Amino acid sequence: SCLTQAISTLRKMLKDSTKSPEFVKTVPKRGYQLICSVERLSPLSADSNTDVEEATSENEVHAAEIETSDAPSIEAATDTTTEVEPQVEPPKAQPKPAANTNNWLPRMIVLLSLLLPICVLLFTNPAESQFRQIGEYQNVPVMTPVNHPQINSWLPSIEQCIERYVKYHAEDSMPVE
């Protein structure tokens, strides 16, 4: 589990695919194999690079042993991977201001989507509808919008409805405009 996690981390750092690997190959039921060529780095300073050169030369020896041996054990693969890891430079901290600049955009969109309907409701007045009176029954005016089609055939039903309403709700309030 630790070996698998270490190899996974190494592959992520090297951007190595498991389908077509360039650096670390998985050998089924045996372990892992380093399949890339290893080169020595040119020393920048004598003190700091001696340790790196020693680790590099040891890695070359272990990589050669693993590639040439017929049955490399998982333990050998474990030793190789732990020594290969120091060779890889840790990724540099990427600047986070880019994330902060992109953070305000979704917040602004949400804010605008909430404010826009509120502004429309507060600052616009609906056009007032104009009505025409088509009849008056029991002192109750019956009106329809001007742009509404004629409902003359419904007038007897409307009259009957108003009369029943007035009859059963005489004590209650009458309909108002």
N, C-alpha and C. Protein backbone atom coordinates (compact mmCIF):
# COMPACT_ATOMS: atom_id res chain seq x y z
N SER A 1 0.82 -1.19 0.00
CA SER A 1 0.00 0.00 0.00
C SER A 1 0.86 1.25 0.00
N CYS A 2 1.91 1.26 0.85
CA CYS A 2 2.81 2.42 0.88
C CYS A 2 3.59 2.52 -0.42
N LEU A 3 4.02 1.36 -0.95
CA LEU A 3 4.75 1.35 -2.21
C LEU A 3 3.87 1.85 -3.35
N THR A 4 2.64 1.38 -3.38
CA THR A 4 1.70 1.81 -4.42
C THR A 4 1.45 3.31 -4.34
N GLN A 5 1.32 3.82 -3.13
CA GLN A 5 1.09 5.25 -2.94
C GLN A 5 2.32 6.05 -3.36
N ALA A 6 3.52 5.53 -3.04
CA ALA A 6 4.75 6.23 -3.43
C ALA A 6 4.90 6.25 -4.94
N ILE A 7 4.60 5.14 -5.61
CA ILE A 7 4.69 5.09 -7.07
C ILE A 7 3.65 6.03 -7.68
N SER A 8 2.46 6.05 -7.11
CA SER A 8 1.42 6.94 -7.61
C SER A 8 1.84 8.40 -7.48
N THR A 9 2.44 8.75 -6.34
CA THR A 9 2.93 10.12 -6.14
C THR A 9 4.03 10.44 -7.13
N LEU A 10 4.94 9.49 -7.34
CA LEU A 10 6.03 9.69 -8.29
C LEU A 10 5.48 9.89 -9.69
N ARG A 11 4.50 9.10 -10.07
CA ARG A 11 3.90 9.25 -11.40
C ARG A 11 3.21 10.59 -11.57
N LYS A 12 2.55 11.05 -10.52
CA LYS A 12 1.90 12.36 -10.58
C LYS A 12 2.92 13.46 -10.76
N MET A 13 4.03 13.38 -10.02
CA MET A 13 5.05 14.42 -10.10
C MET A 13 5.72 14.42 -11.48
N LEU A 14 5.89 13.23 -12.05
CA LEU A 14 6.53 13.12 -13.36
C LEU A 14 5.52 13.21 -14.50
N LYS A 15 4.23 13.27 -14.16
CA LYS A 15 3.15 13.28 -15.15
C LYS A 15 3.27 12.06 -16.06
N ASP A 16 3.44 10.90 -15.43
CA ASP A 16 3.63 9.65 -16.14
C ASP A 16 2.32 8.88 -16.16
N SER A 17 1.90 8.44 -17.31
CA SER A 17 0.64 7.72 -17.46
C SER A 17 0.83 6.25 -17.09
N THR A 18 -0.20 5.63 -16.56
CA THR A 18 -0.12 4.19 -16.26
C THR A 18 -0.39 3.37 -17.51
N LYS A 19 -1.09 3.94 -18.48
CA LYS A 19 -1.40 3.22 -19.72
C LYS A 19 -0.18 3.12 -20.63
N SER A 20 0.52 4.24 -20.81
CA SER A 20 1.74 4.24 -21.62
C SER A 20 2.83 4.96 -20.83
N PRO A 21 3.47 4.24 -19.91
CA PRO A 21 4.45 4.88 -19.02
C PRO A 21 5.75 5.24 -19.73
N GLU A 22 6.36 6.32 -19.27
CA GLU A 22 7.66 6.75 -19.78
C GLU A 22 8.75 6.57 -18.74
N PHE A 23 8.39 6.52 -17.47
CA PHE A 23 9.39 6.47 -16.40
C PHE A 23 9.30 5.19 -15.58
N VAL A 24 8.11 4.88 -15.06
CA VAL A 24 7.95 3.73 -14.17
C VAL A 24 6.93 2.79 -14.77
N LYS A 25 7.35 1.54 -14.97
CA LYS A 25 6.48 0.53 -15.57
C LYS A 25 6.03 -0.45 -14.48
N THR A 26 4.77 -0.82 -14.48
CA THR A 26 4.26 -1.80 -13.53
C THR A 26 4.46 -3.19 -14.12
N VAL A 27 5.17 -4.04 -13.38
CA VAL A 27 5.38 -5.42 -13.79
C VAL A 27 4.40 -6.26 -12.97
N PRO A 28 3.41 -6.88 -13.61
CA PRO A 28 2.38 -7.61 -12.86
C PRO A 28 2.97 -8.71 -11.97
N LYS A 29 2.51 -8.76 -10.73
CA LYS A 29 2.90 -9.74 -9.71
C LYS A 29 4.38 -9.70 -9.36
N ARG A 30 5.11 -8.66 -9.76
CA ARG A 30 6.53 -8.55 -9.45
C ARG A 30 6.88 -7.22 -8.81
N GLY A 31 6.28 -6.16 -9.27
CA GLY A 31 6.62 -4.85 -8.71
C GLY A 31 6.65 -3.78 -9.78
N TYR A 32 7.65 -2.93 -9.73
CA TYR A 32 7.76 -1.79 -10.63
C TYR A 32 9.15 -1.78 -11.25
N GLN A 33 9.24 -1.22 -12.46
CA GLN A 33 10.51 -1.17 -13.16
C GLN A 33 10.74 0.25 -13.66
N LEU A 34 11.95 0.75 -13.44
CA LEU A 34 12.32 2.07 -13.94
C LEU A 34 12.74 1.89 -15.38
N ILE A 35 12.03 2.52 -16.32
CA ILE A 35 12.30 2.29 -17.74
C ILE A 35 12.90 3.50 -18.43
N CYS A 36 13.18 4.55 -17.70
CA CYS A 36 13.76 5.75 -18.31
C CYS A 36 15.28 5.71 -18.14
N SER A 37 15.96 6.47 -18.96
CA SER A 37 17.41 6.57 -18.81
C SER A 37 17.71 7.61 -17.73
N VAL A 38 18.75 7.33 -16.96
CA VAL A 38 19.13 8.21 -15.87
C VAL A 38 20.46 8.86 -16.23
N GLU A 39 20.51 10.18 -16.15
CA GLU A 39 21.73 10.92 -16.46
C GLU A 39 22.20 11.67 -15.24
N ARG A 40 23.50 11.87 -15.18
CA ARG A 40 24.09 12.63 -14.10
C ARG A 40 23.90 14.12 -14.36
N LEU A 41 23.59 14.86 -13.32
CA LEU A 41 23.42 16.30 -13.44
C LEU A 41 24.77 16.98 -13.34
N SER A 42 24.93 18.10 -14.04
CA SER A 42 26.18 18.85 -13.91
C SER A 42 26.17 19.56 -12.56
N PRO A 43 27.28 19.48 -11.82
CA PRO A 43 27.30 20.07 -10.47
C PRO A 43 27.26 21.59 -10.51
N LEU A 44 26.34 22.16 -9.70
CA LEU A 44 26.27 23.61 -9.58
C LEU A 44 27.25 24.10 -8.52
N SER A 45 27.29 23.39 -7.40
CA SER A 45 28.28 23.70 -6.38
C SER A 45 28.79 22.38 -5.84
N ALA A 46 30.03 22.31 -5.47
CA ALA A 46 30.68 21.07 -5.07
C ALA A 46 30.06 20.49 -3.80
N ASP A 47 29.66 21.33 -2.85
CA ASP A 47 29.16 20.83 -1.57
C ASP A 47 27.76 20.22 -1.69
N SER A 48 26.84 20.93 -2.33
CA SER A 48 25.45 20.50 -2.32
C SER A 48 25.18 19.36 -3.28
N ASN A 49 25.97 19.22 -4.35
CA ASN A 49 25.66 18.23 -5.36
C ASN A 49 26.37 16.91 -5.15
N THR A 50 27.28 16.80 -4.21
CA THR A 50 27.94 15.52 -3.99
C THR A 50 26.95 14.48 -3.52
N ASP A 51 26.02 14.88 -2.65
CA ASP A 51 25.00 13.94 -2.18
C ASP A 51 24.08 13.53 -3.33
N VAL A 52 23.73 14.48 -4.19
CA VAL A 52 22.86 14.18 -5.32
C VAL A 52 23.55 13.24 -6.29
N GLU A 53 24.86 13.47 -6.54
CA GLU A 53 25.61 12.61 -7.45
C GLU A 53 25.72 11.21 -6.90
N GLU A 54 25.94 11.07 -5.60
CA GLU A 54 26.02 9.74 -4.99
C GLU A 54 24.68 9.03 -5.12
N ALA A 55 23.59 9.73 -4.86
CA ALA A 55 22.27 9.12 -4.97
C ALA A 55 21.98 8.74 -6.42
N THR A 56 22.41 9.59 -7.37
CA THR A 56 22.19 9.32 -8.78
C THR A 56 22.96 8.08 -9.21
N SER A 57 24.20 7.97 -8.80
CA SER A 57 24.99 6.80 -9.18
C SER A 57 24.41 5.54 -8.56
N GLU A 58 23.94 5.62 -7.32
CA GLU A 58 23.30 4.47 -6.70
C GLU A 58 22.02 4.10 -7.43
N ASN A 59 21.27 5.12 -7.87
CA ASN A 59 20.04 4.86 -8.61
C ASN A 59 20.34 4.17 -9.93
N GLU A 60 21.41 4.59 -10.60
CA GLU A 60 21.79 3.96 -11.86
C GLU A 60 22.13 2.50 -11.64
N VAL A 61 22.84 2.20 -10.57
CA VAL A 61 23.22 0.82 -10.27
C VAL A 61 21.97 -0.01 -9.98
N HIS A 62 21.07 0.53 -9.14
CA HIS A 62 19.85 -0.20 -8.80
C HIS A 62 18.95 -0.36 -10.02
N ALA A 63 18.85 0.67 -10.86
CA ALA A 63 18.03 0.58 -12.06
C ALA A 63 18.58 -0.48 -13.00
N ALA A 64 19.89 -0.52 -13.14
CA ALA A 64 20.52 -1.52 -14.00
C ALA A 64 20.29 -2.91 -13.44
N GLU A 65 20.39 -3.06 -12.13
CA GLU A 65 20.16 -4.37 -11.50
C GLU A 65 18.72 -4.82 -11.73
N ILE A 66 17.78 -3.91 -11.58
CA ILE A 66 16.37 -4.28 -11.72
C ILE A 66 16.06 -4.65 -13.17
N GLU A 67 16.60 -3.90 -14.13
CA GLU A 67 16.32 -4.18 -15.53
C GLU A 67 16.95 -5.48 -15.99
N THR A 68 18.13 -5.83 -15.47
CA THR A 68 18.83 -7.02 -15.95
C THR A 68 18.44 -8.27 -15.21
N SER A 69 17.97 -8.18 -13.98
CA SER A 69 17.64 -9.39 -13.24
C SER A 69 16.35 -10.00 -13.78
N ASP A 70 16.30 -11.34 -13.76
CA ASP A 70 15.14 -12.04 -14.29
C ASP A 70 13.95 -11.97 -13.35
N ALA A 71 14.19 -12.02 -12.04
CA ALA A 71 13.10 -12.03 -11.06
C ALA A 71 13.34 -10.99 -9.99
N PRO A 72 13.12 -9.73 -10.28
CA PRO A 72 13.34 -8.71 -9.25
C PRO A 72 12.24 -8.83 -8.19
N SER A 73 12.62 -8.73 -6.96
CA SER A 73 11.65 -8.84 -5.88
C SER A 73 11.00 -7.50 -5.61
N ILE A 74 9.92 -7.54 -4.87
CA ILE A 74 9.21 -6.31 -4.52
C ILE A 74 10.07 -5.46 -3.61
N GLU A 75 10.88 -6.10 -2.79
CA GLU A 75 11.76 -5.34 -1.90
C GLU A 75 12.77 -4.52 -2.70
N ALA A 76 13.31 -5.10 -3.76
CA ALA A 76 14.26 -4.35 -4.59
C ALA A 76 13.55 -3.18 -5.24
N ALA A 77 12.33 -3.40 -5.68
CA ALA A 77 11.57 -2.31 -6.28
C ALA A 77 11.30 -1.23 -5.24
N THR A 78 11.06 -1.61 -4.01
CA THR A 78 10.82 -0.65 -2.94
C THR A 78 12.06 0.20 -2.71
N ASP A 79 13.24 -0.44 -2.67
CA ASP A 79 14.48 0.31 -2.48
C ASP A 79 14.70 1.28 -3.63
N THR A 80 14.42 0.86 -4.84
CA THR A 80 14.63 1.71 -6.00
C THR A 80 13.71 2.92 -5.95
N THR A 81 12.47 2.69 -5.63
CA THR A 81 11.53 3.82 -5.64
C THR A 81 11.85 4.81 -4.55
N THR A 82 12.32 4.34 -3.41
CA THR A 82 12.62 5.29 -2.35
C THR A 82 13.86 6.09 -2.68
N GLU A 83 14.75 5.53 -3.48
CA GLU A 83 15.94 6.28 -3.85
C GLU A 83 15.69 7.16 -5.07
N VAL A 84 14.73 6.79 -5.91
CA VAL A 84 14.41 7.60 -7.08
C VAL A 84 13.71 8.88 -6.65
N GLU A 85 12.92 8.82 -5.60
CA GLU A 85 12.15 9.98 -5.18
C GLU A 85 12.99 11.21 -4.85
N PRO A 86 14.15 11.09 -4.15
CA PRO A 86 14.91 12.30 -3.88
C PRO A 86 15.45 12.96 -5.15
N GLN A 87 15.55 12.19 -6.22
CA GLN A 87 16.07 12.73 -7.47
C GLN A 87 15.09 13.72 -8.10
N VAL A 88 13.82 13.51 -7.87
CA VAL A 88 12.79 14.37 -8.43
C VAL A 88 12.69 15.63 -7.59
N GLU A 89 12.70 16.77 -8.27
CA GLU A 89 12.59 18.04 -7.56
C GLU A 89 11.14 18.24 -7.15
N PRO A 90 10.91 18.75 -5.94
CA PRO A 90 9.53 19.00 -5.53
C PRO A 90 8.93 20.11 -6.39
N PRO A 91 7.65 20.00 -6.69
CA PRO A 91 7.03 21.04 -7.51
C PRO A 91 7.04 22.38 -6.78
N LYS A 92 7.30 23.40 -7.55
CA LYS A 92 7.33 24.75 -6.98
C LYS A 92 5.91 25.19 -6.64
N ALA A 93 5.81 25.95 -5.59
CA ALA A 93 4.50 26.45 -5.17
C ALA A 93 3.96 27.37 -6.25
N GLN A 94 2.82 27.03 -6.75
CA GLN A 94 2.23 27.84 -7.80
C GLN A 94 1.53 29.04 -7.17
N PRO A 95 1.58 30.17 -7.83
CA PRO A 95 0.95 31.36 -7.26
C PRO A 95 -0.56 31.17 -7.16
N LYS A 96 -1.12 31.56 -6.05
CA LYS A 96 -2.55 31.41 -5.82
C LYS A 96 -3.37 32.65 -6.16
N PRO A 97 -2.77 33.76 -6.55
CA PRO A 97 -3.61 34.89 -6.92
C PRO A 97 -4.53 34.58 -8.09
N ALA A 98 -4.12 33.65 -8.97
CA ALA A 98 -4.99 33.30 -10.08
C ALA A 98 -6.29 32.70 -9.57
N ALA A 99 -6.21 31.89 -8.53
CA ALA A 99 -7.42 31.31 -7.96
C ALA A 99 -8.28 32.39 -7.30
N ASN A 100 -7.64 33.36 -6.68
CA ASN A 100 -8.39 34.44 -6.03
C ASN A 100 -9.09 35.32 -7.05
N THR A 101 -8.44 35.56 -8.19
CA THR A 101 -9.07 36.40 -9.21
C THR A 101 -10.25 35.68 -9.84
N ASN A 102 -10.18 34.37 -9.95
CA ASN A 102 -11.31 33.62 -10.51
C ASN A 102 -12.41 33.41 -9.48
N ASN A 103 -12.11 33.59 -8.21
CA ASN A 103 -13.08 33.37 -7.14
C ASN A 103 -14.20 34.42 -7.16
N TRP A 104 -13.91 35.63 -7.53
CA TRP A 104 -14.91 36.69 -7.48
C TRP A 104 -15.93 36.55 -8.61
N LEU A 105 -15.56 35.93 -9.71
CA LEU A 105 -16.47 35.83 -10.85
C LEU A 105 -17.74 35.04 -10.52
N PRO A 106 -17.65 33.84 -9.95
CA PRO A 106 -18.90 33.14 -9.61
C PRO A 106 -19.72 33.88 -8.56
N ARG A 107 -19.05 34.53 -7.64
CA ARG A 107 -19.78 35.28 -6.62
C ARG A 107 -20.54 36.45 -7.24
N MET A 108 -19.92 37.12 -8.18
CA MET A 108 -20.59 38.25 -8.85
C MET A 108 -21.78 37.75 -9.67
N ILE A 109 -21.63 36.62 -10.32
CA ILE A 109 -22.73 36.08 -11.12
C ILE A 109 -23.92 35.73 -10.22
N VAL A 110 -23.64 35.11 -9.08
CA VAL A 110 -24.72 34.77 -8.15
C VAL A 110 -25.38 36.04 -7.62
N LEU A 111 -24.58 37.03 -7.27
CA LEU A 111 -25.12 38.29 -6.75
C LEU A 111 -26.01 38.97 -7.79
N LEU A 112 -25.54 39.04 -9.04
CA LEU A 112 -26.34 39.66 -10.09
C LEU A 112 -27.62 38.87 -10.35
N SER A 113 -27.53 37.54 -10.31
CA SER A 113 -28.74 36.75 -10.56
C SER A 113 -29.77 36.94 -9.46
N LEU A 114 -29.34 37.30 -8.26
CA LEU A 114 -30.29 37.58 -7.19
C LEU A 114 -30.81 39.01 -7.25
N LEU A 115 -29.95 39.95 -7.60
CA LEU A 115 -30.35 41.36 -7.61
C LEU A 115 -31.20 41.74 -8.82
N LEU A 116 -30.96 41.12 -9.96
CA LEU A 116 -31.67 41.50 -11.17
C LEU A 116 -33.19 41.34 -11.05
N PRO A 117 -33.70 40.22 -10.60
CA PRO A 117 -35.17 40.13 -10.45
C PRO A 117 -35.72 41.10 -9.42
N ILE A 118 -34.99 41.34 -8.35
CA ILE A 118 -35.45 42.28 -7.33
C ILE A 118 -35.54 43.69 -7.92
N CYS A 119 -34.53 44.09 -8.69
CA CYS A 119 -34.54 45.41 -9.32
C CYS A 119 -35.70 45.54 -10.30
N VAL A 120 -35.96 44.51 -11.06
CA VAL A 120 -37.06 44.56 -12.02
C VAL A 120 -38.39 44.74 -11.28
N LEU A 121 -38.57 44.01 -10.19
CA LEU A 121 -39.82 44.14 -9.43
C LEU A 121 -39.97 45.52 -8.78
N LEU A 122 -38.87 46.07 -8.29
CA LEU A 122 -38.94 47.34 -7.57
C LEU A 122 -39.05 48.56 -8.49
N PHE A 123 -38.35 48.53 -9.61
CA PHE A 123 -38.23 49.75 -10.41
C PHE A 123 -39.06 49.77 -11.68
N THR A 124 -39.86 48.75 -11.92
CA THR A 124 -40.73 48.80 -13.10
C THR A 124 -42.18 48.73 -12.64
N ASN A 125 -43.02 49.46 -13.31
CA ASN A 125 -44.45 49.45 -13.02
C ASN A 125 -45.16 48.74 -14.16
N PRO A 126 -46.00 47.78 -13.84
CA PRO A 126 -46.73 47.11 -14.92
C PRO A 126 -47.74 48.08 -15.54
N ALA A 127 -47.99 47.90 -16.80
CA ALA A 127 -48.97 48.75 -17.48
C ALA A 127 -50.35 48.42 -16.93
N GLU A 128 -51.09 49.48 -16.61
CA GLU A 128 -52.42 49.27 -16.05
C GLU A 128 -53.37 48.85 -17.16
N SER A 129 -54.14 47.83 -16.86
CA SER A 129 -55.10 47.33 -17.84
C SER A 129 -56.33 48.23 -17.87
N GLN A 130 -56.89 48.37 -19.04
CA GLN A 130 -58.12 49.15 -19.18
C GLN A 130 -59.28 48.16 -19.32
N PHE A 131 -60.38 48.50 -18.64
CA PHE A 131 -61.53 47.61 -18.63
C PHE A 131 -62.73 48.29 -19.27
N ARG A 132 -63.65 47.49 -19.76
CA ARG A 132 -64.95 47.98 -20.25
C ARG A 132 -66.05 47.22 -19.53
N GLN A 133 -67.10 47.93 -19.26
CA GLN A 133 -68.21 47.32 -18.52
C GLN A 133 -69.15 46.66 -19.51
N ILE A 134 -69.44 45.38 -19.26
CA ILE A 134 -70.33 44.66 -20.18
C ILE A 134 -71.73 44.45 -19.60
N GLY A 135 -71.88 44.80 -18.32
CA GLY A 135 -73.20 44.67 -17.71
C GLY A 135 -73.13 44.98 -16.22
N GLU A 136 -74.37 45.12 -15.64
CA GLU A 136 -74.45 45.37 -14.20
C GLU A 136 -75.66 44.60 -13.68
N TYR A 137 -75.38 43.69 -12.73
CA TYR A 137 -76.44 42.85 -12.18
C TYR A 137 -76.43 42.99 -10.67
N GLN A 138 -77.60 43.30 -10.07
CA GLN A 138 -77.73 43.47 -8.62
C GLN A 138 -76.75 44.51 -8.08
N ASN A 139 -76.54 45.58 -8.83
CA ASN A 139 -75.60 46.66 -8.50
C ASN A 139 -74.15 46.18 -8.46
N VAL A 140 -73.87 45.10 -9.17
CA VAL A 140 -72.49 44.59 -9.28
C VAL A 140 -72.05 44.76 -10.73
N PRO A 141 -71.06 45.64 -10.96
CA PRO A 141 -70.59 45.82 -12.34
C PRO A 141 -69.78 44.60 -12.81
N VAL A 142 -69.98 44.22 -14.06
CA VAL A 142 -69.22 43.12 -14.68
C VAL A 142 -68.33 43.75 -15.74
N MET A 143 -67.03 43.56 -15.57
CA MET A 143 -66.08 44.20 -16.49
C MET A 143 -65.12 43.16 -17.07
N THR A 144 -64.66 43.44 -18.29
CA THR A 144 -63.64 42.60 -18.93
C THR A 144 -62.54 43.51 -19.46
N PRO A 145 -61.35 42.98 -19.64
CA PRO A 145 -60.28 43.80 -20.23
C PRO A 145 -60.64 44.21 -21.65
N VAL A 146 -60.13 45.35 -22.07
CA VAL A 146 -60.46 45.89 -23.38
C VAL A 146 -60.00 44.93 -24.48
N ASN A 147 -58.84 44.30 -24.29
CA ASN A 147 -58.31 43.43 -25.35
C ASN A 147 -58.87 42.00 -25.28
N HIS A 148 -59.84 41.77 -24.39
CA HIS A 148 -60.45 40.45 -24.24
C HIS A 148 -61.56 40.28 -25.28
N PRO A 149 -61.74 39.07 -25.84
CA PRO A 149 -62.82 38.89 -26.83
C PRO A 149 -64.20 39.01 -26.18
N GLN A 150 -65.18 39.22 -27.01
CA GLN A 150 -66.56 39.39 -26.54
C GLN A 150 -67.06 38.11 -25.88
N ILE A 151 -67.79 38.29 -24.76
CA ILE A 151 -68.35 37.13 -24.04
C ILE A 151 -69.86 37.29 -23.86
N ASN A 152 -70.50 37.82 -24.88
CA ASN A 152 -71.95 38.06 -24.81
C ASN A 152 -72.73 36.77 -24.58
N SER A 153 -72.26 35.66 -25.08
CA SER A 153 -72.98 34.40 -24.89
C SER A 153 -72.92 33.93 -23.43
N TRP A 154 -71.99 34.44 -22.66
CA TRP A 154 -71.84 34.06 -21.25
C TRP A 154 -72.64 34.96 -20.30
N LEU A 155 -73.21 36.02 -20.80
CA LEU A 155 -73.91 36.97 -19.93
C LEU A 155 -75.03 36.33 -19.10
N PRO A 156 -75.86 35.45 -19.63
CA PRO A 156 -76.89 34.82 -18.78
C PRO A 156 -76.28 34.00 -17.63
N SER A 157 -75.20 33.30 -17.89
CA SER A 157 -74.54 32.51 -16.84
C SER A 157 -73.92 33.42 -15.79
N ILE A 158 -73.34 34.53 -16.24
CA ILE A 158 -72.74 35.49 -15.31
C ILE A 158 -73.82 36.10 -14.43
N GLU A 159 -74.95 36.45 -15.04
CA GLU A 159 -76.06 37.05 -14.27
C GLU A 159 -76.57 36.06 -13.23
N GLN A 160 -76.75 34.81 -13.60
CA GLN A 160 -77.23 33.79 -12.67
C GLN A 160 -76.23 33.60 -11.52
N CYS A 161 -74.97 33.60 -11.83
CA CYS A 161 -73.92 33.42 -10.81
C CYS A 161 -73.94 34.58 -9.82
N ILE A 162 -74.07 35.81 -10.31
CA ILE A 162 -74.08 36.98 -9.42
C ILE A 162 -75.32 36.97 -8.54
N GLU A 163 -76.48 36.62 -9.12
CA GLU A 163 -77.71 36.57 -8.32
C GLU A 163 -77.61 35.55 -7.19
N ARG A 164 -77.06 34.39 -7.45
CA ARG A 164 -76.89 33.38 -6.40
C ARG A 164 -75.91 33.86 -5.34
N TYR A 165 -74.86 34.51 -5.77
CA TYR A 165 -73.87 35.00 -4.82
C TYR A 165 -74.53 36.01 -3.88
N VAL A 166 -75.27 36.96 -4.45
CA VAL A 166 -75.92 38.00 -3.64
C VAL A 166 -76.95 37.36 -2.71
N LYS A 167 -77.67 36.35 -3.19
CA LYS A 167 -78.70 35.69 -2.39
C LYS A 167 -78.09 35.00 -1.17
N TYR A 168 -76.99 34.30 -1.35
CA TYR A 168 -76.40 33.53 -0.25
C TYR A 168 -75.40 34.33 0.58
N HIS A 169 -74.94 35.46 0.07
CA HIS A 169 -73.97 36.26 0.81
C HIS A 169 -74.47 37.68 1.03
N ALA A 170 -75.75 37.84 1.25
CA ALA A 170 -76.34 39.16 1.44
C ALA A 170 -75.79 39.84 2.68
N GLU A 171 -75.50 39.06 3.70
CA GLU A 171 -74.98 39.65 4.93
C GLU A 171 -73.49 39.99 4.81
N ASP A 172 -72.80 39.27 3.94
CA ASP A 172 -71.36 39.53 3.75
C ASP A 172 -71.17 40.72 2.83
N SER A 173 -69.97 41.02 2.58
CA SER A 173 -69.68 42.16 1.71
C SER A 173 -69.97 41.79 0.26
N MET A 174 -70.35 42.80 -0.47
CA MET A 174 -70.65 42.63 -1.88
C MET A 174 -69.34 42.71 -2.68
N PRO A 175 -69.30 42.15 -3.88
CA PRO A 175 -68.10 42.27 -4.71
C PRO A 175 -67.80 43.73 -5.03
N VAL A 176 -66.53 44.06 -5.07
CA VAL A 176 -66.12 45.44 -5.36
C VAL A 176 -65.22 45.46 -6.57
N GLU A 177 -65.08 46.65 -7.11
CA GLU A 177 -64.21 46.82 -8.27
C GLU A 177 -62.76 46.72 -7.87
